[in-house]
PDB file of N, CA and C in Angstrom:
ATOM      1  N   MET A   1       0.847  -1.172   0.000  1.00  0.00           N
ATOM      2  CA  MET A   1       0.000   0.000   0.000  1.00  0.00           C
ATOM      3  C   MET A   1       0.899   1.243   0.000  1.00  0.00           C
ATOM      4  N   ALA A   2       0.600   2.184  -0.864  1.00  0.00           N
ATOM      5  CA  ALA A   2       1.415   3.383  -0.998  1.00  0.00           C
ATOM      6  C   ALA A   2       1.163   4.338   0.164  1.00  0.00           C
ATOM      7  N   ARG A   3       2.152   5.128   0.456  1.00  0.00           N
ATOM      8  CA  ARG A   3       2.026   6.112   1.524  1.00  0.00           C
ATOM      9  C   ARG A   3       1.248   7.315   0.996  1.00  0.00           C
ATOM     10  N   SER A   4       0.310   7.783   1.772  1.00  0.00           N
ATOM     11  CA  SER A   4      -0.523   8.907   1.370  1.00  0.00           C
ATOM     12  C   SER A   4       0.303  10.193   1.322  1.00  0.00           C
ATOM     13  N   LEU A   5      -0.006  11.064   0.382  1.00  0.00           N
ATOM     14  CA  LEU A   5       0.745  12.313   0.239  1.00  0.00           C
ATOM     15  C   LEU A   5       0.426  13.311   1.344  1.00  0.00           C
ATOM     16  N   ARG A   6      -0.702  13.162   1.992  1.00  0.00           N
ATOM     17  CA  ARG A   6      -1.051  14.126   3.032  1.00  0.00           C
ATOM     18  C   ARG A   6      -0.393  13.806   4.378  1.00  0.00           C
ATOM     19  N   LYS A   7       0.207  12.644   4.502  1.00  0.00           N
ATOM     20  CA  LYS A   7       0.899  12.285   5.734  1.00  0.00           C
ATOM     21  C   LYS A   7       2.313  12.881   5.729  1.00  0.00           C
ATOM     22  N   PRO A   8       2.823  13.260   6.884  1.00  0.00           N
ATOM     23  CA  PRO A   8       4.203  13.762   6.930  1.00  0.00           C
ATOM     24  C   PRO A   8       5.195  12.614   6.765  1.00  0.00           C
ATOM     25  N   PRO A   9       6.438  12.907   6.400  1.00  0.00           N
ATOM     26  CA  PRO A   9       7.440  11.844   6.267  1.00  0.00           C
ATOM     27  C   PRO A   9       7.719  11.187   7.616  1.00  0.00           C
ATOM     28  N   PHE A  10       7.981   9.880   7.591  1.00  0.00           N
ATOM     29  CA  PHE A  10       8.245   9.141   8.824  1.00  0.00           C
ATOM     30  C   PHE A  10       9.681   9.376   9.282  1.00  0.00           C
ATOM     31  N   VAL A  11       9.836   9.719  10.548  1.00  0.00           N
ATOM     32  CA  VAL A  11      11.152   9.839  11.178  1.00  0.00           C
ATOM     33  C   VAL A  11      11.056   9.186  12.547  1.00  0.00           C
ATOM     34  N   ASN A  12      11.976   8.281  12.821  1.00  0.00           N
ATOM     35  CA  ASN A  12      11.998   7.598  14.107  1.00  0.00           C
ATOM     36  C   ASN A  12      12.253   8.623  15.217  1.00  0.00           C
ATOM     37  N   PRO A  13      11.448   8.622  16.290  1.00  0.00           N
ATOM     38  CA  PRO A  13      11.642   9.581  17.383  1.00  0.00           C
ATOM     39  C   PRO A  13      13.020   9.482  18.047  1.00  0.00           C
ATOM     40  N   TYR A  14      13.637   8.314  17.984  1.00  0.00           N
ATOM     41  CA  TYR A  14      14.977   8.122  18.541  1.00  0.00           C
ATOM     42  C   TYR A  14      15.977   9.068  17.878  1.00  0.00           C
ATOM     43  N   LEU A  15      15.842   9.276  16.561  1.00  0.00           N
ATOM     44  CA  LEU A  15      16.770  10.150  15.842  1.00  0.00           C
ATOM     45  C   LEU A  15      16.699  11.580  16.345  1.00  0.00           C
ATOM     46  N   LEU A  16      15.493  12.053  16.563  1.00  0.00           N
ATOM     47  CA  LEU A  16      15.316  13.431  17.006  1.00  0.00           C
ATOM     48  C   LEU A  16      15.871  13.650  18.414  1.00  0.00           C
ATOM     49  N   SER A  17      15.794  12.615  19.253  1.00  0.00           N
ATOM     50  CA  SER A  17      16.317  12.753  20.614  1.00  0.00           C
ATOM     51  C   SER A  17      17.846  12.698  20.642  1.00  0.00           C
ATOM     52  N   GLU A  18      18.473  12.077  19.654  1.00  0.00           N
ATOM     53  CA  GLU A  18      19.933  11.930  19.622  1.00  0.00           C
ATOM     54  C   GLU A  18      20.639  13.064  18.876  1.00  0.00           C
ATOM     55  N   LEU A  19      19.922  14.028  18.335  1.00  0.00           N
ATOM     56  CA  LEU A  19      20.544  15.092  17.551  1.00  0.00           C
ATOM     57  C   LEU A  19      21.472  15.987  18.367  1.00  0.00           C
ATOM     58  N   ALA A  20      21.245  16.111  19.654  1.00  0.00           N
ATOM     59  CA  ALA A  20      22.045  17.007  20.486  1.00  0.00           C
ATOM     60  C   ALA A  20      23.462  16.484  20.727  1.00  0.00           C
ATOM     61  N   THR A  21      23.698  15.196  20.534  1.00  0.00           N
ATOM     62  CA  THR A  21      25.019  14.623  20.785  1.00  0.00           C
ATOM     63  C   THR A  21      25.949  14.868  19.601  1.00  0.00           C
ATOM     64  N   ASP A  22      27.253  14.877  19.869  1.00  0.00           N
ATOM     65  CA  ASP A  22      28.242  15.080  18.809  1.00  0.00           C
ATOM     66  C   ASP A  22      28.779  13.765  18.261  1.00  0.00           C
ATOM     67  N   ARG A  23      28.539  12.678  18.934  1.00  0.00           N
ATOM     68  CA  ARG A  23      29.056  11.389  18.469  1.00  0.00           C
ATOM     69  C   ARG A  23      28.164  10.844  17.341  1.00  0.00           C
ATOM     70  N   PRO A  24      28.685   9.910  16.530  1.00  0.00           N
ATOM     71  CA  PRO A  24      27.870   9.320  15.466  1.00  0.00           C
ATOM     72  C   PRO A  24      26.646   8.604  16.044  1.00  0.00           C
ATOM     73  N   ILE A  25      25.538   8.696  15.341  1.00  0.00           N
ATOM     74  CA  ILE A  25      24.276   8.117  15.802  1.00  0.00           C
ATOM     75  C   ILE A  25      24.077   6.776  15.122  1.00  0.00           C
ATOM     76  N   ASN A  26      23.962   5.707  15.913  1.00  0.00           N
ATOM     77  CA  ASN A  26      23.666   4.388  15.363  1.00  0.00           C
ATOM     78  C   ASN A  26      22.211   4.345  14.950  1.00  0.00           C
ATOM     79  N   LEU A  27      21.958   3.791  13.772  1.00  0.00           N
ATOM     80  CA  LEU A  27      20.627   3.858  13.200  1.00  0.00           C
ATOM     81  C   LEU A  27      20.223   2.510  12.621  1.00  0.00           C
ATOM     82  N   TRP A  28      19.134   1.974  13.103  1.00  0.00           N
ATOM     83  CA  TRP A  28      18.567   0.742  12.558  1.00  0.00           C
ATOM     84  C   TRP A  28      17.334   1.029  11.706  1.00  0.00           C
ATOM     85  N   ALA A  29      16.704   2.199  11.877  1.00  0.00           N
ATOM     86  CA  ALA A  29      15.475   2.557  11.160  1.00  0.00           C
ATOM     87  C   ALA A  29      15.838   3.071   9.773  1.00  0.00           C
ATOM     88  N   ARG A  30      16.041   2.158   8.837  1.00  0.00           N
ATOM     89  CA  ARG A  30      16.430   2.528   7.482  1.00  0.00           C
ATOM     90  C   ARG A  30      15.291   3.197   6.718  1.00  0.00           C
ATOM     91  N   ASN A  31      14.064   3.084   7.220  1.00  0.00           N
ATOM     92  CA  ASN A  31      12.909   3.649   6.533  1.00  0.00           C
ATOM     93  C   ASN A  31      12.649   5.101   6.925  1.00  0.00           C
ATOM     94  N   SER A  32      13.458   5.678   7.768  1.00  0.00           N
ATOM     95  CA  SER A  32      13.285   7.069   8.181  1.00  0.00           C
ATOM     96  C   SER A  32      13.767   8.010   7.082  1.00  0.00           C
ATOM     97  N   PHE A  33      13.067   9.125   6.918  1.00  0.00           N
ATOM     98  CA  PHE A  33      13.450  10.133   5.946  1.00  0.00           C
ATOM     99  C   PHE A  33      14.583  10.997   6.499  1.00  0.00           C
ATOM    100  N   ILE A  34      15.397  11.533   5.607  1.00  0.00           N
ATOM    101  CA  ILE A  34      16.473  12.436   5.994  1.00  0.00           C
ATOM    102  C   ILE A  34      15.908  13.854   5.982  1.00  0.00           C
ATOM    103  N   LEU A  35      15.984  14.516   7.116  1.00  0.00           N
ATOM    104  CA  LEU A  35      15.457  15.868   7.274  1.00  0.00           C
ATOM    105  C   LEU A  35      16.585  16.895   7.171  1.00  0.00           C
ATOM    106  N   PRO A  36      16.261  18.169   6.895  1.00  0.00           N
ATOM    107  CA  PRO A  36      17.300  19.203   6.855  1.00  0.00           C
ATOM    108  C   PRO A  36      18.055  19.362   8.179  1.00  0.00           C
ATOM    109  N   LYS A  37      17.458  18.952   9.296  1.00  0.00           N
ATOM    110  CA  LYS A  37      18.138  19.011  10.601  1.00  0.00           C
ATOM    111  C   LYS A  37      19.353  18.098  10.657  1.00  0.00           C
ATOM    112  N   PHE A  38      19.371  17.061   9.833  1.00  0.00           N
ATOM    113  CA  PHE A  38      20.418  16.045   9.882  1.00  0.00           C
ATOM    114  C   PHE A  38      21.656  16.405   9.052  1.00  0.00           C
ATOM    115  N   VAL A  39      21.635  17.512   8.300  1.00  0.00           N
ATOM    116  CA  VAL A  39      22.755  17.876   7.432  1.00  0.00           C
ATOM    117  C   VAL A  39      23.997  18.137   8.286  1.00  0.00           C
ATOM    118  N   HIS A  40      25.124  17.617   7.827  1.00  0.00           N
ATOM    119  CA  HIS A  40      26.439  17.708   8.481  1.00  0.00           C
ATOM    120  C   HIS A  40      26.524  16.868   9.753  1.00  0.00           C
ATOM    121  N   LYS A  41      25.593  15.977   9.987  1.00  0.00           N
ATOM    122  CA  LYS A  41      25.670  15.030  11.106  1.00  0.00           C
ATOM    123  C   LYS A  41      26.196  13.704  10.576  1.00  0.00           C
ATOM    124  N   VAL A  42      26.802  12.915  11.458  1.00  0.00           N
ATOM    125  CA  VAL A  42      27.340  11.607  11.081  1.00  0.00           C
ATOM    126  C   VAL A  42      26.430  10.531  11.658  1.00  0.00           C
ATOM    127  N   PHE A  43      25.994   9.619  10.781  1.00  0.00           N
ATOM    128  CA  PHE A  43      25.155   8.493  11.179  1.00  0.00           C
ATOM    129  C   PHE A  43      25.870   7.200  10.845  1.00  0.00           C
ATOM    130  N   ARG A  44      25.595   6.167  11.615  1.00  0.00           N
ATOM    131  CA  ARG A  44      26.084   4.825  11.328  1.00  0.00           C
ATOM    132  C   ARG A  44      24.850   3.990  11.007  1.00  0.00           C
ATOM    133  N   ILE A  45      24.645   3.690   9.717  1.00  0.00           N
ATOM    134  CA  ILE A  45      23.442   3.025   9.236  1.00  0.00           C
ATOM    135  C   ILE A  45      23.687   1.522   9.185  1.00  0.00           C
ATOM    136  N   HIS A  46      22.772   0.749   9.774  1.00  0.00           N
ATOM    137  CA  HIS A  46      22.902  -0.704   9.833  1.00  0.00           C
ATOM    138  C   HIS A  46      22.485  -1.306   8.500  1.00  0.00           C
ATOM    139  N   ASN A  47      23.309  -2.219   7.967  1.00  0.00           N
ATOM    140  CA  ASN A  47      22.979  -2.853   6.694  1.00  0.00           C
ATOM    141  C   ASN A  47      22.646  -4.334   6.849  1.00  0.00           C
ATOM    142  N   GLY A  48      22.407  -4.785   8.056  1.00  0.00           N
ATOM    143  CA  GLY A  48      22.070  -6.181   8.297  1.00  0.00           C
ATOM    144  C   GLY A  48      23.228  -6.970   8.867  1.00  0.00           C
ATOM    145  N   LYS A  49      24.444  -6.537   8.601  1.00  0.00           N
ATOM    146  CA  LYS A  49      25.626  -7.227   9.096  1.00  0.00           C
ATOM    147  C   LYS A  49      26.467  -6.318   9.987  1.00  0.00           C
ATOM    148  N   GLY A  50      26.568  -5.077   9.620  1.00  0.00           N
ATOM    149  CA  GLY A  50      27.368  -4.115  10.369  1.00  0.00           C
ATOM    150  C   GLY A  50      26.839  -2.714  10.132  1.00  0.00           C
ATOM    151  N   PHE A  51      27.620  -1.735  10.539  1.00  0.00           N
ATOM    152  CA  PHE A  51      27.206  -0.348  10.380  1.00  0.00           C
ATOM    153  C   PHE A  51      28.080   0.326   9.329  1.00  0.00           C
ATOM    154  N   LYS A  52      27.445   1.125   8.477  1.00  0.00           N
ATOM    155  CA  LYS A  52      28.167   1.902   7.476  1.00  0.00           C
ATOM    156  C   LYS A  52      28.118   3.359   7.894  1.00  0.00           C
ATOM    157  N   ARG A  53      29.281   3.974   8.012  1.00  0.00           N
ATOM    158  CA  ARG A  53      29.380   5.368   8.462  1.00  0.00           C
ATOM    159  C   ARG A  53      29.025   6.294   7.295  1.00  0.00           C
ATOM    160  N   MET A  54      28.175   7.298   7.581  1.00  0.00           N
ATOM    161  CA  MET A  54      27.691   8.183   6.535  1.00  0.00           C
ATOM    162  C   MET A  54      27.532   9.595   7.071  1.00  0.00           C
ATOM    163  N   LYS A  55      28.116  10.571   6.376  1.00  0.00           N
ATOM    164  CA  LYS A  55      27.906  11.979   6.723  1.00  0.00           C
ATOM    165  C   LYS A  55      26.835  12.520   5.781  1.00  0.00           C
ATOM    166  N   ILE A  56      25.815  13.147   6.335  1.00  0.00           N
ATOM    167  CA  ILE A  56      24.668  13.599   5.566  1.00  0.00           C
ATOM    168  C   ILE A  56      24.993  14.924   4.882  1.00  0.00           C
ATOM    169  N   THR A  57      24.678  15.014   3.588  1.00  0.00           N
ATOM    170  CA  THR A  57      24.867  16.240   2.820  1.00  0.00           C
ATOM    171  C   THR A  57      23.508  16.804   2.407  1.00  0.00           C
ATOM    172  N   GLU A  58      23.526  17.990   1.840  1.00  0.00           N
ATOM    173  CA  GLU A  58      22.278  18.641   1.442  1.00  0.00           C
ATOM    174  C   GLU A  58      21.570  17.903   0.319  1.00  0.00           C
ATOM    175  N   GLN A  59      22.300  17.203  -0.533  1.00  0.00           N
ATOM    176  CA  GLN A  59      21.691  16.470  -1.640  1.00  0.00           C
ATOM    177  C   GLN A  59      20.902  15.259  -1.168  1.00  0.00           C
ATOM    178  N   MET A  60      21.169  14.780   0.037  1.00  0.00           N
ATOM    179  CA  MET A  60      20.490  13.591   0.559  1.00  0.00           C
ATOM    180  C   MET A  60      19.140  13.904   1.199  1.00  0.00           C
ATOM    181  N   VAL A  61      18.840  15.168   1.467  1.00  0.00           N
ATOM    182  CA  VAL A  61      17.593  15.550   2.141  1.00  0.00           C
ATOM    183  C   VAL A  61      16.401  15.119   1.297  1.00  0.00           C
ATOM    184  N   GLY A  62      15.429  14.469   1.941  1.00  0.00           N
ATOM    185  CA  GLY A  62      14.220  14.004   1.258  1.00  0.00           C
ATOM    186  C   GLY A  62      14.253  12.540   0.890  1.00  0.00           C
ATOM    187  N   SER A  63      15.416  11.915   0.922  1.00  0.00           N
ATOM    188  CA  SER A  63      15.493  10.491   0.640  1.00  0.00           C
ATOM    189  C   SER A  63      15.512   9.718   1.955  1.00  0.00           C
ATOM    190  N   LYS A  64      15.626   8.404   1.871  1.00  0.00           N
ATOM    191  CA  LYS A  64      15.621   7.576   3.075  1.00  0.00           C
ATOM    192  C   LYS A  64      17.034   7.092   3.383  1.00  0.00           C
ATOM    193  N   PHE A  65      17.272   6.787   4.646  1.00  0.00           N
ATOM    194  CA  PHE A  65      18.599   6.335   5.077  1.00  0.00           C
ATOM    195  C   PHE A  65      18.992   5.020   4.416  1.00  0.00           C
ATOM    196  N   GLY A  66      18.030   4.148   4.185  1.00  0.00           N
ATOM    197  CA  GLY A  66      18.320   2.837   3.623  1.00  0.00           C
ATOM    198  C   GLY A  66      18.885   2.869   2.219  1.00  0.00           C
ATOM    199  N   GLU A  67      18.709   3.958   1.504  1.00  0.00           N
ATOM    200  CA  GLU A  67      19.226   4.065   0.147  1.00  0.00           C
ATOM    201  C   GLU A  67      20.741   4.139   0.119  1.00  0.00           C
ATOM    202  N   TYR A  68      21.355   4.520   1.228  1.00  0.00           N
ATOM    203  CA  TYR A  68      22.794   4.755   1.252  1.00  0.00           C
ATOM    204  C   TYR A  68      23.592   3.654   1.939  1.00  0.00           C
ATOM    205  N   ALA A  69      22.927   2.607   2.377  1.00  0.00           N
ATOM    206  CA  ALA A  69      23.617   1.465   2.985  1.00  0.00           C
ATOM    207  C   ALA A  69      23.050   0.190   2.381  1.00  0.00           C
ATOM    208  N   PRO A  70      23.584  -0.241   1.234  1.00  0.00           N
ATOM    209  CA  PRO A  70      23.030  -1.426   0.577  1.00  0.00           C
ATOM    210  C   PRO A  70      23.168  -2.670   1.449  1.00  0.00           C
ATOM    211  N   THR A  71      22.163  -3.533   1.384  1.00  0.00           N
ATOM    212  CA  THR A  71      22.142  -4.733   2.217  1.00  0.00           C
ATOM    213  C   THR A  71      22.726  -5.941   1.506  1.00  0.00           C
ATOM    214  N   ARG A  72      22.917  -5.842   0.205  1.00  0.00           N
ATOM    215  CA  ARG A  72      23.433  -6.975  -0.570  1.00  0.00           C
ATOM    216  C   ARG A  72      24.669  -6.558  -1.334  1.00  0.00           C
ATOM    217  N   GLN A  73      25.595  -7.501  -1.461  1.00  0.00           N
ATOM    218  CA  GLN A  73      26.811  -7.230  -2.221  1.00  0.00           C
ATOM    219  C   GLN A  73      26.570  -7.531  -3.686  1.00  0.00           C
ATOM    220  N   ALA A  74      27.215  -6.772  -4.546  1.00  0.00           N
ATOM    221  CA  ALA A  74      27.117  -7.027  -5.979  1.00  0.00           C
ATOM    222  C   ALA A  74      27.866  -8.313  -6.301  1.00  0.00           C
ATOM    223  N   ASN A  75      27.302  -9.120  -7.196  1.00  0.00           N
ATOM    224  CA  ASN A  75      27.929 -10.367  -7.592  1.00  0.00           C
ATOM    225  C   ASN A  75      28.983 -10.066  -8.645  1.00  0.00           C
ATOM    226  N   ILE A  76      30.248 -10.346  -8.326  1.00  0.00           N
ATOM    227  CA  ILE A  76      31.353 -10.072  -9.233  1.00  0.00           C
ATOM    228  C   ILE A  76      31.980 -11.400  -9.646  1.00  0.00           C
ATOM    229  N   TYR A  77      31.971 -11.643 -10.955  1.00  0.00           N
ATOM    230  CA  TYR A  77      32.536 -12.877 -11.476  1.00  0.00           C
ATOM    231  C   TYR A  77      34.010 -12.672 -11.798  1.00  0.00           C
ATOM    232  N   LYS A  78      34.798 -13.696 -11.511  1.00  0.00           N
ATOM    233  CA  LYS A  78      36.214 -13.635 -11.826  1.00  0.00           C
ATOM    234  C   LYS A  78      36.407 -13.993 -13.298  1.00  0.00           C
ATOM    235  N   LYS A  79      37.360 -13.318 -13.916  1.00  0.00           N
ATOM    236  CA  LYS A  79      37.669 -13.621 -15.309  1.00  0.00           C
ATOM    237  C   LYS A  79      38.536 -14.870 -15.342  1.00  0.00           C
ATOM    238  N   LYS A  80      38.197 -15.803 -16.248  1.00  0.00           N
ATOM    239  CA  LYS A  80      38.957 -17.052 -16.336  1.00  0.00           C
ATOM    240  C   LYS A  80      40.328 -16.791 -16.954  1.00  0.00           C
ATOM    241  N   GLN A  81      41.311 -17.487 -16.409  1.00  0.00           N
ATOM    242  CA  GLN A  81      42.671 -17.412 -16.940  1.00  0.00           C
ATOM    243  C   GLN A  81      42.767 -18.345 -18.148  1.00  0.00           C
ATOM    244  N   LYS A  82      43.417 -17.883 -19.191  1.00  0.00           N
ATOM    245  CA  LYS A  82      43.639 -18.732 -20.361  1.00  0.00           C
ATOM    246  C   LYS A  82      44.798 -19.660 -20.076  1.00  0.00           C
ATOM    247  N   LYS A  83      44.638 -20.932 -20.469  1.00  0.00           N
ATOM    248  CA  LYS A  83      45.723 -21.891 -20.308  1.00  0.00           C
ATOM    249  C   LYS A  83      46.681 -21.759 -21.480  1.00  0.00           C
ATOM    250  N   LYS A  84      47.971 -21.873 -21.201  1.00  0.00           N
ATOM    251  CA  LYS A  84      48.982 -21.782 -22.261  1.00  0.00           C
ATOM    252  C   LYS A  84      49.412 -23.125 -22.717  1.00  0.00           C
TER     253      LYS A  84
END
């Protein structure tokens, strides 16, 4: 079901309470929107295995945190060596 346009963007209340600290904020709520208040703050976004450190810039405002910490690795195939 799509999110209604009349609803405000979702932000975890934990994020708003942690803004006053200077240390990086650990974040599990990947579905939270990035607000202008978060610019120049450092977040550690959980990707399912560990945390990825991310500094928020002005271009990221309006998107979600989960977009910047991929949960899956790209499949990279090795090139076969030719036999001589």
